[in-house]
Protein backbone atom coordinates (compact mmCIF):
# COMPACT_ATOMS: atom_id res chain seq x y z
CA MET A 1 3.98 7.42 11.52
CA VAL A 2 0.26 7.07 12.27
CA ASN A 3 -2.13 8.70 9.77
CA GLU A 4 -4.91 10.67 11.22
CA ARG A 5 -7.40 8.86 8.92
CA ASP A 6 -6.49 5.63 10.89
CA ILE A 7 -6.91 7.31 14.27
CA TRP A 8 -10.46 8.64 13.51
CA PRO A 9 -12.33 5.29 13.76
CA LEU A 10 -10.46 4.29 16.93
CA SER A 11 -11.20 7.58 18.56
CA MET A 12 -14.82 7.25 17.78
CA ALA A 13 -14.98 3.70 19.25
CA ILE A 14 -13.30 4.93 22.46
CA THR A 15 -15.64 7.86 22.77
CA ALA A 16 -18.72 5.60 22.32
CA SER A 17 -17.27 3.16 24.89
CA VAL A 18 -16.69 5.94 27.43
CA LEU A 19 -20.21 7.34 26.94
CA LEU A 20 -21.80 3.79 27.33
CA ILE A 21 -19.91 3.23 30.58
CA ALA A 22 -21.02 6.68 31.85
CA LEU A 23 -24.56 5.93 31.04
CA VAL A 24 -24.38 2.59 32.92
CA GLY A 25 -22.79 4.26 35.86
CA VAL A 26 -25.38 7.08 36.08
CA GLY A 27 -28.25 4.62 35.73
CA VAL A 28 -26.99 2.34 38.63
CA TRP A 29 -26.19 5.33 40.80
CA LEU A 30 -29.80 6.66 40.40
CA VAL A 31 -31.07 3.31 41.41
CA GLY A 32 -28.57 2.02 44.18
CA GLY A 33 -26.10 4.66 45.04
CA MET A 34 -22.39 5.43 44.57
CA VAL A 35 -20.73 2.10 45.36
CA PRO A 36 -22.89 -0.12 43.02
CA SER A 37 -22.50 2.53 40.28
CA ILE A 38 -18.61 2.29 40.66
CA VAL A 39 -18.78 -1.48 40.54
CA ALA A 40 -21.04 -1.41 37.46
CA CYS A 41 -18.73 0.97 35.56
CA LEU A 42 -15.76 -1.26 36.33
CA LEU A 43 -17.55 -4.37 35.11
CA ALA A 44 -18.81 -2.54 31.95
CA ALA A 45 -15.27 -1.31 31.21
CA CYS A 46 -13.81 -4.84 31.62
CA GLY A 47 -16.54 -6.29 29.39
CA LEU A 48 -16.00 -3.76 26.65
CA HIS A 49 -12.22 -4.29 26.92
CA PHE A 50 -12.46 -8.06 26.46
CA LEU A 51 -15.03 -7.60 23.71
CA MET A 52 -12.73 -5.34 21.78
CA ALA A 53 -9.75 -7.56 22.32
CA ALA A 54 -11.75 -10.67 21.06
CA ARG A 55 -12.79 -8.78 17.92
CA ARG A 56 -9.22 -7.58 17.26
CA ALA A 57 -7.89 -11.08 17.72
CA ARG A 58 -10.52 -12.56 15.25
CA ARG A 59 -9.71 -9.76 12.71
CA GLU A 60 -5.93 -10.41 13.00
CA ALA A 61 -6.43 -14.14 12.82
CA ARG A 62 -8.48 -13.67 9.62
CA MET A 63 -5.84 -11.42 8.05
CA MET A 64 -3.26 -13.96 8.90
CA ASN A 65 -5.21 -16.77 7.24
CA ASP A 66 -5.77 -14.64 4.14
CA PHE A 67 -2.06 -13.70 4.07
CA MET A 68 -0.94 -17.40 4.24
CA ALA A 69 -3.57 -18.43 1.55
CA ASN A 70 -2.26 -15.72 -0.82
CA LEU A 71 1.39 -16.56 -0.02
CA PHE A 72 0.79 -20.16 -0.96
CA HIS A 73 -0.95 -19.10 -4.06
CA GLU A 74 1.88 -16.73 -5.09
CA PHE A 75 4.63 -19.32 -4.51
CA LYS A 76 2.88 -22.43 -5.97
CA THR A 77 3.25 -21.59 -9.61
CA PRO A 78 7.01 -20.71 -9.58
CA LEU A 79 7.86 -23.73 -7.41
CA THR A 80 5.83 -26.04 -9.54
CA THR A 81 7.58 -24.82 -12.74
CA ILE A 82 11.01 -25.19 -11.06
CA GLY A 83 10.22 -28.72 -9.95
CA ILE A 84 8.98 -29.80 -13.38
CA CYS A 85 12.05 -28.37 -15.26
CA ALA A 86 14.44 -29.90 -12.61
CA GLU A 87 12.87 -33.36 -13.14
CA LEU A 88 13.18 -32.92 -16.90
CA LEU A 89 16.80 -32.02 -16.49
CA GLY A 90 17.43 -34.90 -14.24
CA ASP A 91 15.97 -37.38 -16.57
CA GLY A 92 18.57 -36.47 -19.20
CA GLY A 93 16.29 -36.84 -22.15
CA LEU A 94 16.36 -33.16 -23.29
CA ASP A 95 18.31 -31.88 -26.33
CA ASP A 96 20.49 -28.81 -26.08
CA THR A 97 17.71 -26.49 -26.95
CA GLU A 98 15.24 -27.99 -24.58
CA ARG A 99 17.86 -28.03 -21.78
CA LYS A 100 18.57 -24.33 -22.31
CA ARG A 101 14.88 -23.54 -22.18
CA ALA A 102 14.40 -25.56 -18.97
CA ILE A 103 17.39 -23.73 -17.34
CA ALA A 104 16.03 -20.42 -18.49
CA ALA A 105 12.64 -21.19 -17.01
CA ILE A 106 14.20 -22.19 -13.68
CA LEU A 107 16.26 -18.91 -13.55
CA HIS A 108 13.20 -16.87 -14.45
CA GLU A 109 10.97 -18.46 -11.79
CA ALA A 110 13.79 -18.19 -9.24
CA SER A 111 14.16 -14.46 -9.91
CA ARG A 112 10.38 -14.16 -9.64
CA LEU A 113 10.34 -15.86 -6.27
CA LYS A 114 13.15 -13.65 -5.08
CA GLN A 115 11.25 -10.52 -6.06
CA GLN A 116 8.08 -11.74 -4.41
CA MET A 117 9.94 -12.43 -1.20
CA GLN A 118 11.66 -9.06 -1.24
CA THR A 119 8.33 -7.41 -1.91
CA MET A 120 6.73 -9.03 1.12
CA LEU A 121 9.77 -8.31 3.32
CA ASP A 122 9.49 -4.63 2.26
CA LEU A 123 5.74 -4.61 3.07
CA GLY A 124 6.27 -6.23 6.39
CA CYS A 125 8.96 -3.75 7.36
CA ILE A 126 6.86 -0.79 6.39
CA GLU A 127 3.75 -2.03 8.22
CA ALA A 128 5.82 -2.76 11.37
CA GLY A 129 7.17 0.73 11.44
CA GLY A 130 10.72 -0.40 10.85
CA ARG A 131 11.48 1.49 7.55
CA GLU A 132 13.96 4.26 8.03
CA TYR A 133 13.38 7.47 6.18
CA HIS A 134 15.91 10.23 5.36
CA PRO A 135 13.69 13.21 4.56
CA GLU A 136 15.01 16.32 2.70
CA GLU A 137 13.70 19.15 0.66
CA PHE A 138 13.79 18.62 -3.13
CA ASP A 139 12.01 19.29 -6.37
CA LEU A 140 9.92 16.22 -7.03
CA ALA A 141 9.03 17.39 -10.52
CA ALA A 142 12.80 17.35 -11.39
CA LEU A 143 13.12 13.84 -9.99
CA LEU A 144 10.38 12.67 -12.28
CA ARG A 145 11.86 14.36 -15.33
CA ASN A 146 15.22 12.70 -14.47
CA MET A 147 13.54 9.22 -14.65
CA GLY A 148 13.43 9.67 -18.33
CA GLY A 149 15.34 6.39 -18.92
CA PHE A 150 13.02 4.43 -16.79
CA LEU A 151 9.92 5.98 -18.34
CA LYS A 152 11.17 5.55 -21.89
CA ASN A 153 11.73 1.94 -21.46
CA ARG A 154 8.26 1.25 -20.18
CA PHE A 155 6.01 3.72 -22.19
CA LEU A 156 5.54 3.93 -25.91
CA ALA A 157 4.28 7.39 -25.39
CA PRO A 158 6.26 9.21 -22.57
CA PRO A 159 4.14 10.56 -19.73
CA VAL A 160 3.15 14.18 -19.91
CA ILE A 161 4.70 15.82 -16.85
CA ALA A 162 3.42 19.34 -15.94
CA GLU A 163 5.79 22.29 -16.07
CA GLY A 164 7.04 23.96 -12.96
CA ARG A 165 8.45 22.94 -9.67
CA CYS A 166 6.98 20.77 -6.92
CA ASP A 167 8.96 21.17 -3.78
CA VAL A 168 8.45 18.49 -1.04
CA PHE A 169 10.09 17.33 2.12
CA ALA A 170 10.42 13.54 1.86
CA ASP A 171 12.84 10.61 1.54
CA CYS A 172 14.03 10.67 -2.19
CA ASP A 173 14.58 6.95 -2.47
CA ALA A 174 11.13 6.19 -1.02
CA VAL A 175 9.43 8.66 -3.47
CA ASP A 176 11.36 7.08 -6.33
CA GLN A 177 9.99 3.62 -5.22
CA ILE A 178 6.48 4.98 -4.99
CA PHE A 179 6.65 6.25 -8.59
CA VAL A 180 8.22 3.03 -9.89
CA ASN A 181 5.22 1.12 -8.54
CA LEU A 182 2.71 3.71 -9.86
CA PHE A 183 4.23 3.78 -13.25
CA ASP A 184 4.58 0.10 -13.44
CA ASN A 185 0.91 -0.28 -12.49
CA ALA A 186 -0.08 2.17 -15.13
CA VAL A 187 1.95 0.28 -17.82
CA LYS A 188 0.24 -3.04 -16.91
CA TYR A 189 -3.27 -1.67 -17.20
CA SER A 190 -2.92 1.24 -19.68
CA GLY A 191 -0.24 -0.01 -22.09
CA SER A 192 0.66 2.80 -24.55
CA LYS A 193 -2.20 5.09 -23.61
CA PRO A 194 -1.06 8.57 -22.43
CA LEU A 195 -0.29 9.16 -18.76
CA ASP A 196 -0.55 12.68 -17.30
CA VAL A 197 1.37 13.87 -14.23
CA SER A 198 0.27 17.21 -12.54
CA PHE A 199 0.93 19.01 -9.31
CA GLY A 200 -1.30 20.97 -6.92
CA PRO A 201 -2.08 21.75 -3.27
CA GLY A 202 -2.85 18.92 -0.94
CA SER A 203 -6.03 18.07 0.92
CA ARG A 204 -4.82 20.02 3.87
CA PRO A 205 -2.29 22.81 4.56
CA GLY A 206 1.29 21.91 4.34
CA LEU A 207 0.83 19.14 1.83
CA LYS A 208 1.65 19.05 -1.89
CA ALA A 209 -0.40 16.78 -4.14
CA ILE A 210 0.96 14.85 -7.22
CA HIS A 211 -1.70 13.43 -9.51
CA VAL A 212 -0.86 10.46 -11.86
CA ALA A 213 -3.80 10.02 -14.37
CA ASP A 214 -4.05 7.09 -16.74
CA ARG A 215 -6.48 5.87 -19.35
CA GLY A 216 -6.64 2.29 -18.38
CA PRO A 217 -9.84 0.23 -17.73
CA GLY A 218 -10.37 2.20 -14.45
CA LEU A 219 -11.91 1.30 -11.12
CA THR A 220 -15.33 1.86 -9.57
CA SER A 221 -15.65 3.82 -6.44
CA GLU A 222 -16.09 0.49 -4.51
CA GLN A 223 -12.97 -1.02 -6.08
CA CYS A 224 -11.02 2.12 -5.23
CA ALA A 225 -11.66 1.44 -1.65
CA HIS A 226 -9.83 -1.89 -1.94
CA ALA A 227 -7.11 -0.87 -4.41
CA PHE A 228 -4.50 -0.65 -1.58
CA ASP A 229 -5.45 -3.87 0.20
CA ARG A 230 -2.70 -6.50 0.22
CA PHE A 231 -3.00 -9.02 -2.63
CA TRP A 232 -6.18 -7.27 -3.92
CA ARG A 233 -6.68 -7.62 -7.68
CA SER A 234 -9.67 -6.34 -9.74
CA ASP A 235 -12.06 -9.05 -10.99
CA ALA A 236 -12.40 -7.43 -14.34
CA PRO A 237 -11.57 -9.71 -17.27
CA SER A 238 -8.91 -7.36 -18.43
CA ALA A 239 -7.14 -7.37 -15.07
CA ARG A 240 -6.98 -11.18 -14.77
CA ALA A 241 -4.47 -11.40 -17.59
CA VAL A 242 -2.13 -8.92 -15.89
CA GLU A 243 0.88 -10.36 -13.97
CA GLY A 244 1.53 -9.17 -10.53
CA HIS A 245 0.96 -10.10 -6.87
CA GLY A 246 -1.08 -7.18 -5.67
CA LEU A 247 1.43 -5.66 -3.20
CA GLY A 248 2.89 -2.71 -5.15
CA LEU A 249 0.16 -0.25 -4.20
CA SER A 250 0.03 -1.44 -0.65
CA ILE A 251 3.88 -0.69 -0.42
CA ALA A 252 3.46 2.68 -2.15
CA ARG A 253 0.79 3.78 0.28
CA GLY A 254 2.78 2.52 3.21
CA LEU A 255 5.76 4.56 2.16
CA ALA A 256 3.64 7.69 1.58
CA ARG A 257 2.10 7.38 5.07
CA GLY A 258 5.50 6.77 6.68
CA MET A 259 6.61 10.07 5.40
CA GLY A 260 3.58 11.96 6.74
CA GLY A 261 1.55 11.89 3.49
CA ASP A 262 -0.81 9.56 1.76
CA LEU A 263 -1.72 7.92 -1.48
CA SER A 264 -5.30 7.63 -2.87
CA VAL A 265 -7.10 6.72 -6.01
CA ALA A 266 -10.29 7.83 -7.74
CA PRO A 267 -12.11 7.15 -10.98
CA ARG A 268 -11.06 9.59 -13.80
CA ASP A 269 -13.61 11.38 -15.92
CA GLY A 270 -13.69 9.76 -19.35
CA GLY A 271 -12.12 6.48 -18.17
CA GLY A 272 -9.15 5.46 -16.21
CA CYS A 273 -7.83 6.33 -12.68
CA VAL A 274 -6.20 9.21 -11.00
CA PHE A 275 -3.72 8.31 -8.27
CA THR A 276 -3.07 11.20 -5.82
CA LEU A 277 0.26 11.22 -3.81
CA GLU A 278 0.40 13.76 -0.92
CA LEU A 279 3.70 14.61 0.69
CA PRO A 280 4.83 17.44 3.23
CA ALA A 281 5.80 20.65 1.52
CA HIS A 282 8.34 21.52 4.16
CA ALA A 283 10.14 20.12 7.17
CA PRO A 284 8.12 20.36 10.38
CA ALA A 285 8.94 23.38 12.51
CA GLY A 286 11.71 22.64 14.91
CA MET A 287 12.69 19.32 13.23
CA LYS A 288 16.39 18.49 13.46
CA GLY A 289 18.31 16.53 10.95
CA GLY A 290 18.53 12.65 11.05
CA PRO A 291 16.51 9.73 9.97
CA THR A 292 12.94 9.06 10.98
CA HIS A 293 10.88 5.85 11.20
CA GLY A 294 7.40 5.25 9.95
């Protein structure tokens, strides 16, 4: 599903291109007549088309290069650890305790690789529009309260979830995955500091907003603009020590937009961040049952 925030820059570029071509055509028509003006418009349109195609190709090539560089970086450490441990085991010079540690390290890094690969597959599926959603109406506040076991295992102080209902129309599994990512992110950067979850109206009619506020190190407004970029990590000293591959928030936003909503972040007064998830409050008029893709 295409988000209107993504359409706006494209529509502006198309409008500007059309106006430019029209101005060229009018100018040539005033000087040389109808036929030259038509030819000039066609040439201008072709030139703009190839210019936009070239820019898009350069941007996609740059994104692919960045992706491959980050992919190599993410896989290098686990593969190096597995290789070293395998060599030590192959040499046969380890005692029982050292051998168990080496095997445990291999299993840990193999699990980490598997998780990273699954994360990137999930992100690729979402960005390609291949994720299938099964939206239904449910109380999201109740879903969060039922995540008590998950939350208890990750927070020394359980999150404070606002009272009342928050009815939304969304895929329950996708929403669950979004909050797992948001809560894991909060734990990494906030630790035992309190986390507040509140509900309210969305940024436009038909949307509900869920606010997840933490008291972590926070982000600047400039950093907030990059928080959902693939592989982006804050350059703050406190963030460098946090494990992760910088894809969880990208996946969470992709899931939100695939269901017709959005996910954003802003600095919190007094320190920390506020993540705002917006989801449809009701099924679109005339919508029939069945899965959707986004």
